Each structure stands twice: as C-alpha cells, then as structure tokens.
Amino acid sequence: MPFDQPETPAGQIAFELSSPGVEKRFLAVMQEMAARFERFDRVASRIETIAEDIQHLMQELRYRRRDLCGATKRQHVADIRVMGGKCPCCGAPDVLDAEG
C-alpha cells in the first residue's frame, strides 16, 4: 500500500472508486448488508416475543399454587402407580417412592 493512502480498519476492504466493477462490488456489499439487517430484524423480533412470554410467565407465577386436597393427591398417586411410577410427561422413573 502506498504511503499516501490511509490504512483501512481490520475487516474492511479498500478499493478505488474509479476502478472497473465498482458498481457490482457496491451492489454486492449492499445486498450482503440487507441480508444481515433482515437476519437482525428476525432475531430482534424473536427476542421481543421471548420477553413478552417471560413477562406473562412472571405475572402468572405471582399467584401461589393452591394446595391439593387429600382426595386429589390420592388420585394422582393412584394414576402415577398405574403408569409404573413414572412421570406422565417425560417418563422419568421413580416419581413415587414406596410411600407414594
């Protein structure tokens, strides 16, 4: 690089504006930037959605769960025993111990 031209920052490409093919390179750079901004918008939108979901969950968790009555607890234990003592959602073993 000649001494009269300033160095470009890392990751940037220097090119003469009067050289042939500048328009094509400029359009290619602009298309790449547009694609990156589109991806950025999708990520930002997803982050907003997740933030809304978290806000909703936090609002719902403010309320304490009600205690189950004895009959409901016994029914849950009986149902889980029928399933072999495994979690009905994930199938993890030993949801119940020997005492239920």
PDB file of N, CA and C in Angstrom:
ATOM      1  N   MET A   1       0.850  -1.171   0.000  1.00  0.00           N
ATOM      2  CA  MET A   1       0.000   0.000   0.000  1.00  0.00           C
ATOM      3  C   MET A   1       0.890   1.227   0.000  1.00  0.00           C
ATOM      4  N   PRO A   2       0.640   2.187  -0.871  1.00  0.00           N
ATOM      5  CA  PRO A   2       1.453   3.402  -0.892  1.00  0.00           C
ATOM      6  C   PRO A   2       1.302   4.177   0.406  1.00  0.00           C
ATOM      7  N   PHE A   3       2.320   4.953   0.734  1.00  0.00           N
ATOM      8  CA  PHE A   3       2.317   5.705   1.984  1.00  0.00           C
ATOM      9  C   PHE A   3       1.280   6.816   2.008  1.00  0.00           C
ATOM     10  N   ASP A   4       0.838   7.282   0.865  1.00  0.00           N
ATOM     11  CA  ASP A   4      -0.113   8.396   0.848  1.00  0.00           C
ATOM     12  C   ASP A   4      -1.563   7.943   1.063  1.00  0.00           C
ATOM     13  N   GLN A   5      -1.817   6.618   1.107  1.00  0.00           N
ATOM     14  CA  GLN A   5      -3.171   6.110   1.351  1.00  0.00           C
ATOM     15  C   GLN A   5      -3.283   5.654   2.803  1.00  0.00           C
ATOM     16  N   PRO A   6      -4.345   6.040   3.478  1.00  0.00           N
ATOM     17  CA  PRO A   6      -4.505   5.603   4.873  1.00  0.00           C
ATOM     18  C   PRO A   6      -4.840   4.115   4.930  1.00  0.00           C
ATOM     19  N   GLU A   7      -4.471   3.478   6.033  1.00  0.00           N
ATOM     20  CA  GLU A   7      -4.786   2.063   6.216  1.00  0.00           C
ATOM     21  C   GLU A   7      -6.277   1.913   6.525  1.00  0.00           C
ATOM     22  N   THR A   8      -6.821   0.789   6.102  1.00  0.00           N
ATOM     23  CA  THR A   8      -8.225   0.521   6.404  1.00  0.00           C
ATOM     24  C   THR A   8      -8.317  -0.242   7.715  1.00  0.00           C
ATOM     25  N   PRO A   9      -9.392  -0.029   8.476  1.00  0.00           N
ATOM     26  CA  PRO A   9      -9.566  -0.803   9.716  1.00  0.00           C
ATOM     27  C   PRO A   9      -9.686  -2.292   9.402  1.00  0.00           C
ATOM     28  N   ALA A  10      -9.409  -3.108  10.391  1.00  0.00           N
ATOM     29  CA  ALA A  10      -9.443  -4.567  10.211  1.00  0.00           C
ATOM     30  C   ALA A  10     -10.802  -4.999   9.691  1.00  0.00           C
ATOM     31  N   GLY A  11     -10.812  -5.900   8.726  1.00  0.00           N
ATOM     32  CA  GLY A  11     -12.047  -6.451   8.191  1.00  0.00           C
ATOM     33  C   GLY A  11     -12.657  -5.650   7.066  1.00  0.00           C
ATOM     34  N   GLN A  12     -12.091  -4.501   6.760  1.00  0.00           N
ATOM     35  CA  GLN A  12     -12.633  -3.685   5.677  1.00  0.00           C
ATOM     36  C   GLN A  12     -11.773  -3.827   4.435  1.00  0.00           C
ATOM     37  N   ILE A  13     -12.379  -3.643   3.301  1.00  0.00           N
ATOM     38  CA  ILE A  13     -11.687  -3.770   2.027  1.00  0.00           C
ATOM     39  C   ILE A  13     -11.565  -2.387   1.400  1.00  0.00           C
ATOM     40  N   ALA A  14     -10.343  -2.040   0.976  1.00  0.00           N
ATOM     41  CA  ALA A  14     -10.141  -0.761   0.296  1.00  0.00           C
ATOM     42  C   ALA A  14     -10.220  -0.988  -1.207  1.00  0.00           C
ATOM     43  N   PHE A  15     -10.932  -0.116  -1.903  1.00  0.00           N
ATOM     44  CA  PHE A  15     -10.950  -0.200  -3.352  1.00  0.00           C
ATOM     45  C   PHE A  15     -11.135   1.196  -3.926  1.00  0.00           C
ATOM     46  N   GLU A  16     -10.613   1.351  -5.086  1.00  0.00           N
ATOM     47  CA  GLU A  16     -10.700   2.632  -5.783  1.00  0.00           C
ATOM     48  C   GLU A  16     -12.090   2.797  -6.369  1.00  0.00           C
ATOM     49  N   LEU A  17     -12.656   3.960  -6.215  1.00  0.00           N
ATOM     50  CA  LEU A  17     -13.980   4.217  -6.770  1.00  0.00           C
ATOM     51  C   LEU A  17     -13.957   4.348  -8.282  1.00  0.00           C
ATOM     52  N   SER A  18     -12.777   4.594  -8.839  1.00  0.00           N
ATOM     53  CA  SER A  18     -12.696   4.753 -10.291  1.00  0.00           C
ATOM     54  C   SER A  18     -12.342   3.451 -10.999  1.00  0.00           C
ATOM     55  N   SER A  19     -12.117   2.384 -10.219  1.00  0.00           N
ATOM     56  CA  SER A  19     -11.740   1.136 -10.860  1.00  0.00           C
ATOM     57  C   SER A  19     -12.958   0.465 -11.490  1.00  0.00           C
ATOM     58  N   PRO A  20     -12.725  -0.392 -12.507  1.00  0.00           N
ATOM     59  CA  PRO A  20     -13.853  -1.068 -13.152  1.00  0.00           C
ATOM     60  C   PRO A  20     -14.508  -2.060 -12.195  1.00  0.00           C
ATOM     61  N   GLY A  21     -15.804  -2.215 -12.295  1.00  0.00           N
ATOM     62  CA  GLY A  21     -16.542  -3.167 -11.479  1.00  0.00           C
ATOM     63  C   GLY A  21     -16.939  -2.651 -10.113  1.00  0.00           C
ATOM     64  N   VAL A  22     -16.733  -1.354  -9.862  1.00  0.00           N
ATOM     65  CA  VAL A  22     -17.084  -0.795  -8.564  1.00  0.00           C
ATOM     66  C   VAL A  22     -18.577  -0.931  -8.304  1.00  0.00           C
ATOM     67  N   GLU A  23     -19.373  -0.702  -9.333  1.00  0.00           N
ATOM     68  CA  GLU A  23     -20.826  -0.778  -9.155  1.00  0.00           C
ATOM     69  C   GLU A  23     -21.254  -2.174  -8.715  1.00  0.00           C
ATOM     70  N   LYS A  24     -20.653  -3.201  -9.341  1.00  0.00           N
ATOM     71  CA  LYS A  24     -21.013  -4.578  -8.970  1.00  0.00           C
ATOM     72  C   LYS A  24     -20.608  -4.875  -7.536  1.00  0.00           C
ATOM     73  N   ARG A  25     -19.418  -4.448  -7.154  1.00  0.00           N
ATOM     74  CA  ARG A  25     -18.966  -4.688  -5.788  1.00  0.00           C
ATOM     75  C   ARG A  25     -19.827  -3.924  -4.792  1.00  0.00           C
ATOM     76  N   PHE A  26     -20.185  -2.681  -5.152  1.00  0.00           N
ATOM     77  CA  PHE A  26     -21.034  -1.880  -4.272  1.00  0.00           C
ATOM     78  C   PHE A  26     -22.395  -2.560  -4.087  1.00  0.00           C
ATOM     79  N   LEU A  27     -22.980  -3.048  -5.177  1.00  0.00           N
ATOM     80  CA  LEU A  27     -24.273  -3.730  -5.090  1.00  0.00           C
ATOM     81  C   LEU A  27     -24.159  -5.013  -4.265  1.00  0.00           C
ATOM     82  N   ALA A  28     -23.066  -5.744  -4.429  1.00  0.00           N
ATOM     83  CA  ALA A  28     -22.870  -6.973  -3.659  1.00  0.00           C
ATOM     84  C   ALA A  28     -22.771  -6.666  -2.167  1.00  0.00           C
ATOM     85  N   VAL A  29     -22.046  -5.607  -1.830  1.00  0.00           N
ATOM     86  CA  VAL A  29     -21.913  -5.207  -0.422  1.00  0.00           C
ATOM     87  C   VAL A  29     -23.272  -4.784   0.131  1.00  0.00           C
ATOM     88  N   MET A  30     -24.022  -4.028  -0.647  1.00  0.00           N
ATOM     89  CA  MET A  30     -25.337  -3.571  -0.201  1.00  0.00           C
ATOM     90  C   MET A  30     -26.296  -4.753  -0.017  1.00  0.00           C
ATOM     91  N   GLN A  31     -26.233  -5.737  -0.905  1.00  0.00           N
ATOM     92  CA  GLN A  31     -27.091  -6.919  -0.758  1.00  0.00           C
ATOM     93  C   GLN A  31     -26.722  -7.704   0.488  1.00  0.00           C
ATOM     94  N   GLU A  32     -25.441  -7.828   0.756  1.00  0.00           N
ATOM     95  CA  GLU A  32     -24.994  -8.525   1.964  1.00  0.00           C
ATOM     96  C   GLU A  32     -25.468  -7.784   3.216  1.00  0.00           C
ATOM     97  N   MET A  33     -25.366  -6.476   3.196  1.00  0.00           N
ATOM     98  CA  MET A  33     -25.835  -5.685   4.338  1.00  0.00           C
ATOM     99  C   MET A  33     -27.339  -5.850   4.523  1.00  0.00           C
ATOM    100  N   ALA A  34     -28.092  -5.852   3.437  1.00  0.00           N
ATOM    101  CA  ALA A  34     -29.544  -6.028   3.526  1.00  0.00           C
ATOM    102  C   ALA A  34     -29.880  -7.386   4.129  1.00  0.00           C
ATOM    103  N   ALA A  35     -29.153  -8.420   3.728  1.00  0.00           N
ATOM    104  CA  ALA A  35     -29.392  -9.759   4.267  1.00  0.00           C
ATOM    105  C   ALA A  35     -29.080  -9.795   5.765  1.00  0.00           C
ATOM    106  N   ARG A  36     -28.014  -9.146   6.167  1.00  0.00           N
ATOM    107  CA  ARG A  36     -27.658  -9.118   7.593  1.00  0.00           C
ATOM    108  C   ARG A  36     -28.695  -8.357   8.403  1.00  0.00           C
ATOM    109  N   PHE A  37     -29.185  -7.231   7.876  1.00  0.00           N
ATOM    110  CA  PHE A  37     -30.217  -6.476   8.584  1.00  0.00           C
ATOM    111  C   PHE A  37     -31.509  -7.277   8.686  1.00  0.00           C
ATOM    112  N   GLU A  38     -31.823  -8.044   7.659  1.00  0.00           N
ATOM    113  CA  GLU A  38     -33.020  -8.888   7.701  1.00  0.00           C
ATOM    114  C   GLU A  38     -32.892  -9.936   8.804  1.00  0.00           C
ATOM    115  N   ARG A  39     -31.720 -10.565   8.899  1.00  0.00           N
ATOM    116  CA  ARG A  39     -31.496 -11.540   9.970  1.00  0.00           C
ATOM    117  C   ARG A  39     -31.559 -10.866  11.331  1.00  0.00           C
ATOM    118  N   PHE A  40     -30.987  -9.684  11.428  1.00  0.00           N
ATOM    119  CA  PHE A  40     -31.022  -8.935  12.681  1.00  0.00           C
ATOM    120  C   PHE A  40     -32.462  -8.635  13.085  1.00  0.00           C
ATOM    121  N   ASP A  41     -33.297  -8.232  12.131  1.00  0.00           N
ATOM    122  CA  ASP A  41     -34.706  -7.940  12.427  1.00  0.00           C
ATOM    123  C   ASP A  41     -35.428  -9.192  12.927  1.00  0.00           C
ATOM    124  N   ARG A  42     -35.132 -10.348  12.320  1.00  0.00           N
ATOM    125  CA  ARG A  42     -35.770 -11.590  12.768  1.00  0.00           C
ATOM    126  C   ARG A  42     -35.357 -11.925  14.194  1.00  0.00           C
ATOM    127  N   VAL A  43     -34.077 -11.773  14.504  1.00  0.00           N
ATOM    128  CA  VAL A  43     -33.591 -12.059  15.849  1.00  0.00           C
ATOM    129  C   VAL A  43     -34.205 -11.079  16.846  1.00  0.00           C
ATOM    130  N   ALA A  44     -34.248  -9.808  16.496  1.00  0.00           N
ATOM    131  CA  ALA A  44     -34.830  -8.801  17.384  1.00  0.00           C
ATOM    132  C   ALA A  44     -36.307  -9.096  17.637  1.00  0.00           C
ATOM    133  N   SER A  45     -37.017  -9.508  16.608  1.00  0.00           N
ATOM    134  CA  SER A  45     -38.427  -9.844  16.761  1.00  0.00           C
ATOM    135  C   SER A  45     -38.597 -11.040  17.689  1.00  0.00           C
ATOM    136  N   ARG A  46     -37.742 -12.038  17.537  1.00  0.00           N
ATOM    137  CA  ARG A  46     -37.823 -13.228  18.388  1.00  0.00           C
ATOM    138  C   ARG A  46     -37.514 -12.875  19.833  1.00  0.00           C
ATOM    139  N   ILE A  47     -36.548 -11.991  20.045  1.00  0.00           N
ATOM    140  CA  ILE A  47     -36.209 -11.563  21.402  1.00  0.00           C
ATOM    141  C   ILE A  47     -37.398 -10.853  22.041  1.00  0.00           C
ATOM    142  N   GLU A  48     -38.091 -10.019  21.279  1.00  0.00           N
ATOM    143  CA  GLU A  48     -39.274  -9.338  21.793  1.00  0.00           C
ATOM    144  C   GLU A  48     -40.352 -10.345  22.183  1.00  0.00           C
ATOM    145  N   THR A  49     -40.545 -11.367  21.369  1.00  0.00           N
ATOM    146  CA  THR A  49     -41.546 -12.388  21.663  1.00  0.00           C
ATOM    147  C   THR A  49     -41.184 -13.140  22.940  1.00  0.00           C
ATOM    148  N   ILE A  50     -39.918 -13.498  23.083  1.00  0.00           N
ATOM    149  CA  ILE A  50     -39.475 -14.204  24.291  1.00  0.00           C
ATOM    150  C   ILE A  50     -39.654 -13.321  25.518  1.00  0.00           C
ATOM    151  N   ALA A  51     -39.342 -12.034  25.394  1.00  0.00           N
ATOM    152  CA  ALA A  51     -39.517 -11.105  26.514  1.00  0.00           C
ATOM    153  C   ALA A  51     -40.986 -11.020  26.919  1.00  0.00           C
ATOM    154  N   GLU A  52     -41.877 -10.994  25.946  1.00  0.00           N
ATOM    155  CA  GLU A  52     -43.313 -10.971  26.256  1.00  0.00           C
ATOM    156  C   GLU A  52     -43.731 -12.257  26.961  1.00  0.00           C
ATOM    157  N   ASP A  53     -43.218 -13.402  26.493  1.00  0.00           N
ATOM    158  CA  ASP A  53     -43.531 -14.678  27.136  1.00  0.00           C
ATOM    159  C   ASP A  53     -43.040 -14.699  28.582  1.00  0.00           C
ATOM    160  N   ILE A  54     -41.840 -14.206  28.807  1.00  0.00           N
ATOM    161  CA  ILE A  54     -41.282 -14.181  30.161  1.00  0.00           C
ATOM    162  C   ILE A  54     -42.118 -13.269  31.055  1.00  0.00           C
ATOM    163  N   GLN A  55     -42.523 -12.121  30.530  1.00  0.00           N
ATOM    164  CA  GLN A  55     -43.355 -11.192  31.297  1.00  0.00           C
ATOM    165  C   GLN A  55     -44.670 -11.865  31.697  1.00  0.00           C
ATOM    166  N   HIS A  56     -45.274 -12.580  30.751  1.00  0.00           N
ATOM    167  CA  HIS A  56     -46.525 -13.285  31.036  1.00  0.00           C
ATOM    168  C   HIS A  56     -46.316 -14.348  32.115  1.00  0.00           C
ATOM    169  N   LEU A  57     -45.242 -15.136  31.994  1.00  0.00           N
ATOM    170  CA  LEU A  57     -44.971 -16.163  32.989  1.00  0.00           C
ATOM    171  C   LEU A  57     -44.710 -15.570  34.374  1.00  0.00           C
ATOM    172  N   MET A  58     -43.979 -14.484  34.418  1.00  0.00           N
ATOM    173  CA  MET A  58     -43.706 -13.847  35.700  1.00  0.00           C
ATOM    174  C   MET A  58     -45.000 -13.353  36.343  1.00  0.00           C
ATOM    175  N   GLN A  59     -45.895 -12.835  35.521  1.00  0.00           N
ATOM    176  CA  GLN A  59     -47.174 -12.366  36.045  1.00  0.00           C
ATOM    177  C   GLN A  59     -47.989 -13.542  36.577  1.00  0.00           C
ATOM    178  N   GLU A  60     -47.976 -14.657  35.863  1.00  0.00           N
ATOM    179  CA  GLU A  60     -48.734 -15.822  36.296  1.00  0.00           C
ATOM    180  C   GLU A  60     -48.124 -16.460  37.545  1.00  0.00           C
ATOM    181  N   LEU A  61     -46.813 -16.409  37.690  1.00  0.00           N
ATOM    182  CA  LEU A  61     -46.161 -17.035  38.828  1.00  0.00           C
ATOM    183  C   LEU A  61     -46.321 -16.241  40.121  1.00  0.00           C
ATOM    184  N   ARG A  62     -46.849 -15.032  40.014  1.00  0.00           N
ATOM    185  CA  ARG A  62     -47.075 -14.247  41.228  1.00  0.00           C
ATOM    186  C   ARG A  62     -48.104 -14.915  42.124  1.00  0.00           C
ATOM    187  N   TYR A  63     -48.994 -15.641  41.503  1.00  0.00           N
ATOM    188  CA  TYR A  63     -50.055 -16.286  42.254  1.00  0.00           C
ATOM    189  C   TYR A  63     -49.569 -17.655  42.733  1.00  0.00           C
ATOM    190  N   ARG A  64     -49.727 -17.896  44.012  1.00  0.00           N
ATOM    191  CA  ARG A  64     -49.277 -19.161  44.591  1.00  0.00           C
ATOM    192  C   ARG A  64     -50.212 -20.283  44.168  1.00  0.00           C
ATOM    193  N   ARG A  65     -49.627 -21.418  43.889  1.00  0.00           N
ATOM    194  CA  ARG A  65     -50.442 -22.581  43.546  1.00  0.00           C
ATOM    195  C   ARG A  65     -51.254 -23.009  44.751  1.00  0.00           C
ATOM    196  N   ARG A  66     -52.439 -23.451  44.489  1.00  0.00           N
ATOM    197  CA  ARG A  66     -53.292 -23.929  45.572  1.00  0.00           C
ATOM    198  C   ARG A  66     -52.850 -25.331  45.984  1.00  0.00           C
ATOM    199  N   ASP A  67     -52.985 -25.619  47.259  1.00  0.00           N
ATOM    200  CA  ASP A  67     -52.685 -26.965  47.743  1.00  0.00           C
ATOM    201  C   ASP A  67     -53.799 -27.899  47.297  1.00  0.00           C
ATOM    202  N   LEU A  68     -53.409 -29.106  46.935  1.00  0.00           N
ATOM    203  CA  LEU A  68     -54.392 -30.100  46.528  1.00  0.00           C
ATOM    204  C   LEU A  68     -55.050 -30.712  47.758  1.00  0.00           C
ATOM    205  N   CYS A  69     -56.308 -31.017  47.620  1.00  0.00           N
ATOM    206  CA  CYS A  69     -56.987 -31.694  48.727  1.00  0.00           C
ATOM    207  C   CYS A  69     -56.520 -33.151  48.768  1.00  0.00           C
ATOM    208  N   GLY A  70     -56.785 -33.814  49.858  1.00  0.00           N
ATOM    209  CA  GLY A  70     -56.312 -35.188  50.052  1.00  0.00           C
ATOM    210  C   GLY A  70     -56.818 -36.148  48.990  1.00  0.00           C
ATOM    211  N   ALA A  71     -58.087 -35.996  48.587  1.00  0.00           N
ATOM    212  CA  ALA A  71     -58.654 -36.903  47.587  1.00  0.00           C
ATOM    213  C   ALA A  71     -57.945 -36.742  46.241  1.00  0.00           C
ATOM    214  N   THR A  72     -57.623 -35.519  45.879  1.00  0.00           N
ATOM    215  CA  THR A  72     -56.939 -35.271  44.609  1.00  0.00           C
ATOM    216  C   THR A  72     -55.526 -35.836  44.653  1.00  0.00           C
ATOM    217  N   LYS A  73     -54.846 -35.655  45.775  1.00  0.00           N
ATOM    218  CA  LYS A  73     -53.498 -36.217  45.919  1.00  0.00           C
ATOM    219  C   LYS A  73     -53.533 -37.739  45.783  1.00  0.00           C
ATOM    220  N   ARG A  74     -54.502 -38.372  46.450  1.00  0.00           N
ATOM    221  CA  ARG A  74     -54.611 -39.834  46.372  1.00  0.00           C
ATOM    222  C   ARG A  74     -54.878 -40.288  44.938  1.00  0.00           C
ATOM    223  N   GLN A  75     -55.704 -39.532  44.212  1.00  0.00           N
ATOM    224  CA  GLN A  75     -55.995 -39.885  42.816  1.00  0.00           C
ATOM    225  C   GLN A  75     -54.742 -39.753  41.957  1.00  0.00           C
ATOM    226  N   HIS A  76     -53.959 -38.704  42.177  1.00  0.00           N
ATOM    227  CA  HIS A  76     -52.698 -38.533  41.439  1.00  0.00           C
ATOM    228  C   HIS A  76     -51.751 -39.689  41.701  1.00  0.00           C
ATOM    229  N   VAL A  77     -51.608 -40.056  42.967  1.00  0.00           N
ATOM    230  CA  VAL A  77     -50.713 -41.154  43.331  1.00  0.00           C
ATOM    231  C   VAL A  77     -51.183 -42.447  42.668  1.00  0.00           C
ATOM    232  N   ALA A  78     -52.488 -42.693  42.701  1.00  0.00           N
ATOM    233  CA  ALA A  78     -53.027 -43.916  42.087  1.00  0.00           C
ATOM    234  C   ALA A  78     -52.769 -43.928  40.580  1.00  0.00           C
ATOM    235  N   ASP A  79     -52.967 -42.790  39.930  1.00  0.00           N
ATOM    236  CA  ASP A  79     -52.745 -42.707  38.480  1.00  0.00           C
ATOM    237  C   ASP A  79     -51.275 -42.923  38.129  1.00  0.00           C
ATOM    238  N   ILE A  80     -50.392 -42.350  38.914  1.00  0.00           N
ATOM    239  CA  ILE A  80     -48.959 -42.499  38.642  1.00  0.00           C
ATOM    240  C   ILE A  80     -48.525 -43.943  38.891  1.00  0.00           C
ATOM    241  N   ARG A  81     -49.103 -44.589  39.885  1.00  0.00           N
ATOM    242  CA  ARG A  81     -48.781 -46.002  40.129  1.00  0.00           C
ATOM    243  C   ARG A  81     -49.202 -46.854  38.939  1.00  0.00           C
ATOM    244  N   VAL A  82     -50.352 -46.539  38.349  1.00  0.00           N
ATOM    245  CA  VAL A  82     -50.814 -47.276  37.164  1.00  0.00           C
ATOM    246  C   VAL A  82     -49.798 -47.144  36.031  1.00  0.00           C
ATOM    247  N   MET A  83     -49.121 -45.998  35.958  1.00  0.00           N
ATOM    248  CA  MET A  83     -48.116 -45.762  34.914  1.00  0.00           C
ATOM    249  C   MET A  83     -46.751 -46.301  35.310  1.00  0.00           C
ATOM    250  N   GLY A  84     -46.693 -47.089  36.343  1.00  0.00           N
ATOM    251  CA  GLY A  84     -45.421 -47.692  36.758  1.00  0.00           C
ATOM    252  C   GLY A  84     -44.566 -46.756  37.579  1.00  0.00           C
ATOM    253  N   GLY A  85     -45.160 -45.727  38.156  1.00  0.00           N
ATOM    254  CA  GLY A  85     -44.411 -44.789  38.997  1.00  0.00           C
ATOM    255  C   GLY A  85     -43.565 -43.803  38.212  1.00  0.00           C
ATOM    256  N   LYS A  86     -43.812 -43.706  36.914  1.00  0.00           N
ATOM    257  CA  LYS A  86     -43.022 -42.794  36.061  1.00  0.00           C
ATOM    258  C   LYS A  86     -43.776 -41.499  35.815  1.00  0.00           C
ATOM    259  N   CYS A  87     -43.017 -40.463  35.544  1.00  0.00           N
ATOM    260  CA  CYS A  87     -43.606 -39.155  35.242  1.00  0.00           C
ATOM    261  C   CYS A  87     -44.432 -39.261  33.965  1.00  0.00           C
ATOM    262  N   PRO A  88     -45.686 -38.778  33.980  1.00  0.00           N
ATOM    263  CA  PRO A  88     -46.511 -38.870  32.776  1.00  0.00           C
ATOM    264  C   PRO A  88     -46.033 -37.954  31.647  1.00  0.00           C
ATOM    265  N   CYS A  89     -45.251 -36.946  31.970  1.00  0.00           N
ATOM    266  CA  CYS A  89     -44.782 -36.006  30.938  1.00  0.00           C
ATOM    267  C   CYS A  89     -43.504 -36.472  30.261  1.00  0.00           C
ATOM    268  N   CYS A  90     -42.500 -36.809  31.073  1.00  0.00           N
ATOM    269  CA  CYS A  90     -41.183 -37.124  30.494  1.00  0.00           C
ATOM    270  C   CYS A  90     -40.797 -38.589  30.626  1.00  0.00           C
ATOM    271  N   GLY A  91     -41.537 -39.346  31.428  1.00  0.00           N
ATOM    272  CA  GLY A  91     -41.213 -40.761  31.592  1.00  0.00           C
ATOM    273  C   GLY A  91     -40.072 -41.019  32.550  1.00  0.00           C
ATOM    274  N   ALA A  92     -39.660 -39.995  33.302  1.00  0.00           N
ATOM    275  CA  ALA A  92     -38.576 -40.187  34.268  1.00  0.00           C
ATOM    276  C   ALA A  92     -39.021 -41.193  35.321  1.00  0.00           C
ATOM    277  N   PRO A  93     -38.160 -42.109  35.678  1.00  0.00           N
ATOM    278  CA  PRO A  93     -38.558 -43.140  36.641  1.00  0.00           C
ATOM    279  C   PRO A  93     -38.634 -42.598  38.066  1.00  0.00           C
ATOM    280  N   ASP A  94     -39.312 -43.340  38.885  1.00  0.00           N
ATOM    281  CA  ASP A  94     -39.357 -43.102  40.325  1.00  0.00           C
ATOM    282  C   ASP A  94     -39.901 -41.732  40.712  1.00  0.00           C
ATOM    283  N   VAL A  95     -41.050 -41.379  40.158  1.00  0.00           N
ATOM    284  CA  VAL A  95     -41.720 -40.165  40.586  1.00  0.00           C
ATOM    285  C   VAL A  95     -42.278 -40.402  41.992  1.00  0.00           C
ATOM    286  N   LEU A  96     -42.686 -41.631  42.246  1.00  0.00           N
ATOM    287  CA  LEU A  96     -43.204 -42.008  43.559  1.00  0.00           C
ATOM    288  C   LEU A  96     -42.198 -42.878  44.282  1.00  0.00           C
ATOM    289  N   ASP A  97     -42.094 -42.676  45.596  1.00  0.00           N
ATOM    290  CA  ASP A  97     -41.296 -43.603  46.388  1.00  0.00           C
ATOM    291  C   ASP A  97     -42.225 -44.687  46.950  1.00  0.00           C
ATOM    292  N   ALA A  98     -41.739 -45.520  47.835  1.00  0.00           N
ATOM    293  CA  ALA A  98     -42.525 -46.633  48.348  1.00  0.00           C
ATOM    294  C   ALA A  98     -43.775 -46.166  49.077  1.00  0.00           C
ATOM    295  N   GLU A  99     -43.705 -44.994  49.720  1.00  0.00           N
ATOM    296  CA  GLU A  99     -44.854 -44.490  50.459  1.00  0.00           C
ATOM    297  C   GLU A  99     -45.810 -43.693  49.582  1.00  0.00           C
ATOM    298  N   GLY A 100     -45.456 -43.447  48.360  1.00  0.00           N
ATOM    299  CA  GLY A 100     -46.315 -42.676  47.468  1.00  0.00           C
ATOM    300  C   GLY A 100     -45.949 -41.229  47.460  1.00  0.00           C
TER     301      GLY A 100
END
